[in-house]
Amino acid sequence: MATYSGVISGANNDGATWSLSNSNQPGMALVVSPLIGSNFVSWSLSIKDALEAKDKVGFINGVVKEPTVEAEFKKWKPVDSMVKSWVRNSIAKEIVEIFMFCKSARELWKEIEERYGAKSGPKFFQLQQDLAALRQGKLNYRRDPYYLHPSDTIGLQLVPNQLNQSNYMIWSRSMVIALRSKNKLGFVDGST
């Protein structure tokens, strides 16, 4: 990859300088701890610091805009793609797939902020409160058919034989008993 620099027009300041060199690799992760969702605030601060150190934060915060002139776009696009790659490489493998179709670093950043940023804070807080109530026994989770306790799968092993043509009646009665004892029969008979 050749080293080059330029000025992006359309920046909100007097021109954002940028460059790529051989030391900039698309496989790099900018932070030690990848984004897992719940760590968005600390992760985003770390990413911004790393991009500021590389003079690339403008690509995610909207200061450096996509040029409309084709010659400038051809210089802008590799740098934007590199920034997009760095940000993606700093996201946990379990969630990075949902961000694969963002076309620019700015679009990627906006998508991440929308999903995990401050707007999601109240929802996250409410989920934490619900979880705390569940742990404290305020909700009767044993009677809630949507609650799956680790022992629920053990109960299904009470059905001693696999289903075949000759044992359907015995098997189905055993299965009904096992599901009823775990308050899960409604998922099979449609009552839940």
Protein backbone atom coordinates (compact mmCIF):
# COMPACT_ATOMS: atom_id res chain seq x y z
CA MET A 1 0.00 0.00 0.00
CA ALA A 2 1.47 3.32 -1.02
CA THR A 3 1.86 6.20 1.36
CA TYR A 4 -0.12 9.26 0.42
CA SER A 5 -1.81 12.20 2.06
CA GLY A 6 -4.37 14.71 1.09
CA VAL A 7 -7.02 17.11 2.24
CA ILE A 8 -10.67 16.11 2.23
CA SER A 9 -12.99 18.81 1.03
CA GLY A 10 -16.32 19.11 2.77
CA ALA A 11 -14.79 18.93 6.24
CA ASN A 12 -16.31 21.35 8.72
CA ASN A 13 -12.93 22.79 9.63
CA ASP A 14 -10.15 24.21 7.50
CA GLY A 15 -9.43 20.77 5.99
CA ALA A 16 -8.83 17.45 7.67
CA THR A 17 -5.43 16.03 6.81
CA TRP A 18 -5.17 12.28 6.51
CA SER A 19 -2.85 9.64 5.27
CA LEU A 20 -2.34 5.91 5.08
CA SER A 21 1.00 4.23 5.38
CA ASN A 22 2.29 0.67 5.37
CA SER A 23 2.01 0.55 9.17
CA ASN A 24 -1.77 0.95 8.91
CA GLN A 25 -3.21 -2.53 8.50
CA PRO A 26 -6.90 -3.42 8.12
CA GLY A 27 -6.57 -6.36 10.52
CA MET A 28 -5.69 -4.15 13.50
CA ALA A 29 -7.95 -3.79 16.52
CA LEU A 30 -7.74 -0.35 18.08
CA VAL A 31 -8.65 -1.35 21.63
CA VAL A 32 -7.81 -4.17 24.01
CA SER A 33 -11.39 -4.88 25.10
CA PRO A 34 -13.78 -5.37 22.17
CA LEU A 35 -17.32 -4.01 22.17
CA ILE A 36 -19.70 -6.52 23.74
CA GLY A 37 -22.65 -4.13 24.05
CA SER A 38 -22.75 -3.42 27.76
CA ASN A 39 -19.31 -1.76 27.63
CA PHE A 40 -20.26 0.76 24.93
CA VAL A 41 -19.38 3.91 26.88
CA SER A 42 -15.84 2.89 27.81
CA TRP A 43 -15.31 1.19 24.43
CA SER A 44 -16.41 4.25 22.46
CA LEU A 45 -14.11 6.54 24.46
CA SER A 46 -11.19 4.19 23.81
CA ILE A 47 -11.97 3.98 20.08
CA LYS A 48 -12.23 7.76 19.80
CA ASP A 49 -8.90 8.20 21.61
CA ALA A 50 -7.22 5.71 19.28
CA LEU A 51 -8.68 7.35 16.19
CA GLU A 52 -7.70 10.81 17.44
CA ALA A 53 -4.14 9.56 17.85
CA LYS A 54 -4.23 8.48 14.20
CA ASP A 55 -5.98 11.72 13.11
CA LYS A 56 -8.94 9.66 11.85
CA VAL A 57 -11.74 10.45 14.33
CA GLY A 58 -13.34 12.73 11.72
CA PHE A 59 -14.35 9.67 9.73
CA ILE A 60 -16.69 8.46 12.49
CA ASN A 61 -17.93 11.75 13.94
CA GLY A 62 -19.01 13.23 10.61
CA VAL A 63 -16.37 15.97 10.34
CA VAL A 64 -14.77 14.26 7.35
CA LYS A 65 -17.57 13.78 4.85
CA GLU A 66 -17.71 11.60 1.77
CA PRO A 67 -16.44 13.75 -1.12
CA THR A 68 -18.65 14.35 -4.14
CA VAL A 69 -15.72 14.91 -6.50
CA GLU A 70 -14.60 11.55 -7.90
CA ALA A 71 -10.85 12.24 -7.66
CA GLU A 72 -11.19 13.08 -3.95
CA PHE A 73 -13.54 10.13 -3.39
CA LYS A 74 -10.89 7.75 -4.73
CA LYS A 75 -8.45 9.03 -2.08
CA TRP A 76 -11.07 9.17 0.68
CA LYS A 77 -12.51 5.67 0.18
CA PRO A 78 -9.39 3.62 1.15
CA VAL A 79 -8.94 5.65 4.34
CA ASP A 80 -12.62 5.34 5.23
CA SER A 81 -12.48 1.59 4.57
CA MET A 82 -9.43 1.29 6.81
CA VAL A 83 -11.17 3.15 9.66
CA LYS A 84 -14.27 1.00 9.17
CA SER A 85 -12.10 -2.12 9.35
CA TRP A 86 -10.38 -0.95 12.55
CA VAL A 87 -13.72 -0.28 14.24
CA ARG A 88 -15.15 -3.65 13.16
CA ASN A 89 -12.04 -5.45 14.40
CA SER A 90 -12.67 -3.83 17.78
CA ILE A 91 -16.12 -5.44 18.10
CA ALA A 92 -16.69 -8.86 19.66
CA LYS A 93 -17.01 -11.68 17.13
CA GLU A 94 -20.44 -12.58 18.52
CA ILE A 95 -21.97 -9.26 17.41
CA VAL A 96 -19.79 -7.94 14.58
CA GLU A 97 -21.84 -9.66 11.86
CA ILE A 98 -24.74 -7.25 12.32
CA PHE A 99 -22.50 -4.36 11.26
CA MET A 100 -21.00 -5.92 8.12
CA PHE A 101 -23.14 -4.04 5.60
CA CYS A 102 -22.37 -0.46 6.65
CA LYS A 103 -20.98 1.43 3.67
CA SER A 104 -18.84 3.96 5.52
CA ALA A 105 -17.10 4.41 8.85
CA ARG A 106 -19.62 7.14 9.73
CA GLU A 107 -22.59 4.86 8.94
CA LEU A 108 -20.99 2.08 11.01
CA TRP A 109 -20.47 4.41 13.97
CA LYS A 110 -24.05 5.72 13.81
CA GLU A 111 -25.37 2.14 13.70
CA ILE A 112 -23.31 1.16 16.77
CA GLU A 113 -24.40 4.28 18.66
CA GLU A 114 -28.04 3.65 17.81
CA ARG A 115 -27.85 0.06 19.01
CA TYR A 116 -25.75 0.52 22.18
CA GLY A 117 -25.60 4.25 22.88
CA ALA A 118 -27.45 6.52 25.29
CA LYS A 119 -30.84 5.96 23.65
CA SER A 120 -30.59 2.30 24.63
CA GLY A 121 -29.67 3.20 28.21
CA PRO A 122 -33.23 3.31 29.62
CA LYS A 123 -34.07 -0.06 28.02
CA PHE A 124 -30.90 -1.56 29.45
CA PHE A 125 -31.68 -0.11 32.90
CA GLN A 126 -35.20 -1.57 32.81
CA LEU A 127 -33.83 -4.99 31.84
CA GLN A 128 -31.36 -4.81 34.73
CA GLN A 129 -34.21 -3.96 37.11
CA ASP A 130 -36.31 -6.86 35.82
CA LEU A 131 -33.38 -9.22 36.19
CA ALA A 132 -32.73 -8.04 39.74
CA ALA A 133 -36.40 -8.57 40.62
CA LEU A 134 -36.24 -12.05 39.14
CA ARG A 135 -33.17 -12.91 41.19
CA GLN A 136 -34.75 -11.53 44.35
CA GLY A 137 -37.80 -13.70 43.95
CA LYS A 138 -40.30 -10.90 43.35
CA LEU A 139 -41.42 -12.63 40.17
CA ASN A 140 -42.66 -16.18 40.37
CA TYR A 141 -40.34 -17.51 37.70
CA ARG A 142 -41.06 -21.16 38.52
CA ARG A 143 -44.65 -20.67 37.35
CA ASP A 144 -43.71 -18.58 34.34
CA PRO A 145 -43.68 -20.92 31.33
CA TYR A 146 -41.16 -18.69 29.54
CA TYR A 147 -38.57 -19.21 32.25
CA LEU A 148 -36.21 -22.08 31.50
CA HIS A 149 -34.35 -23.36 34.52
CA PRO A 150 -31.26 -25.55 33.97
CA SER A 151 -33.07 -28.45 35.62
CA ASP A 152 -35.89 -28.25 33.05
CA THR A 153 -33.86 -30.19 30.51
CA ILE A 154 -33.17 -32.92 33.05
CA GLY A 155 -36.91 -33.50 33.50
CA LEU A 156 -37.30 -34.26 29.83
CA GLN A 157 -34.96 -37.18 30.25
CA LEU A 158 -37.70 -38.91 32.25
CA VAL A 159 -39.02 -40.19 28.93
CA PRO A 160 -37.02 -43.42 28.85
CA ASN A 161 -37.32 -44.39 25.20
CA GLN A 162 -37.10 -42.59 21.92
CA LEU A 163 -40.29 -42.29 19.94
CA ASN A 164 -40.96 -45.03 17.40
CA GLN A 165 -44.00 -46.60 15.72
CA SER A 166 -44.64 -49.13 18.47
CA ASN A 167 -44.40 -46.93 21.58
CA TYR A 168 -46.24 -43.71 20.67
CA MET A 169 -48.92 -43.91 23.40
CA ILE A 170 -46.47 -44.64 26.22
CA TRP A 171 -43.98 -42.08 24.93
CA SER A 172 -46.60 -39.33 24.55
CA ARG A 173 -47.99 -39.88 28.06
CA SER A 174 -44.48 -39.77 29.50
CA MET A 175 -43.72 -36.60 27.56
CA VAL A 176 -46.94 -34.90 28.73
CA ILE A 177 -46.14 -35.76 32.34
CA ALA A 178 -42.57 -34.45 31.99
CA LEU A 179 -43.68 -31.23 30.27
CA ARG A 180 -46.51 -30.63 32.75
CA SER A 181 -44.13 -31.07 35.70
CA LYS A 182 -41.92 -28.33 34.24
CA ASN A 183 -44.86 -26.06 33.34
CA LYS A 184 -43.96 -26.28 29.65
CA LEU A 185 -46.89 -28.28 28.25
CA GLY A 186 -48.48 -25.09 26.89
CA PHE A 187 -45.74 -24.80 24.30
CA VAL A 188 -46.80 -28.15 22.85
CA ASP A 189 -50.59 -27.96 23.17
CA GLY A 190 -50.78 -24.26 22.22
CA SER A 191 -52.21 -22.96 25.49
CA THR A 192 -49.22 -20.71 26.21
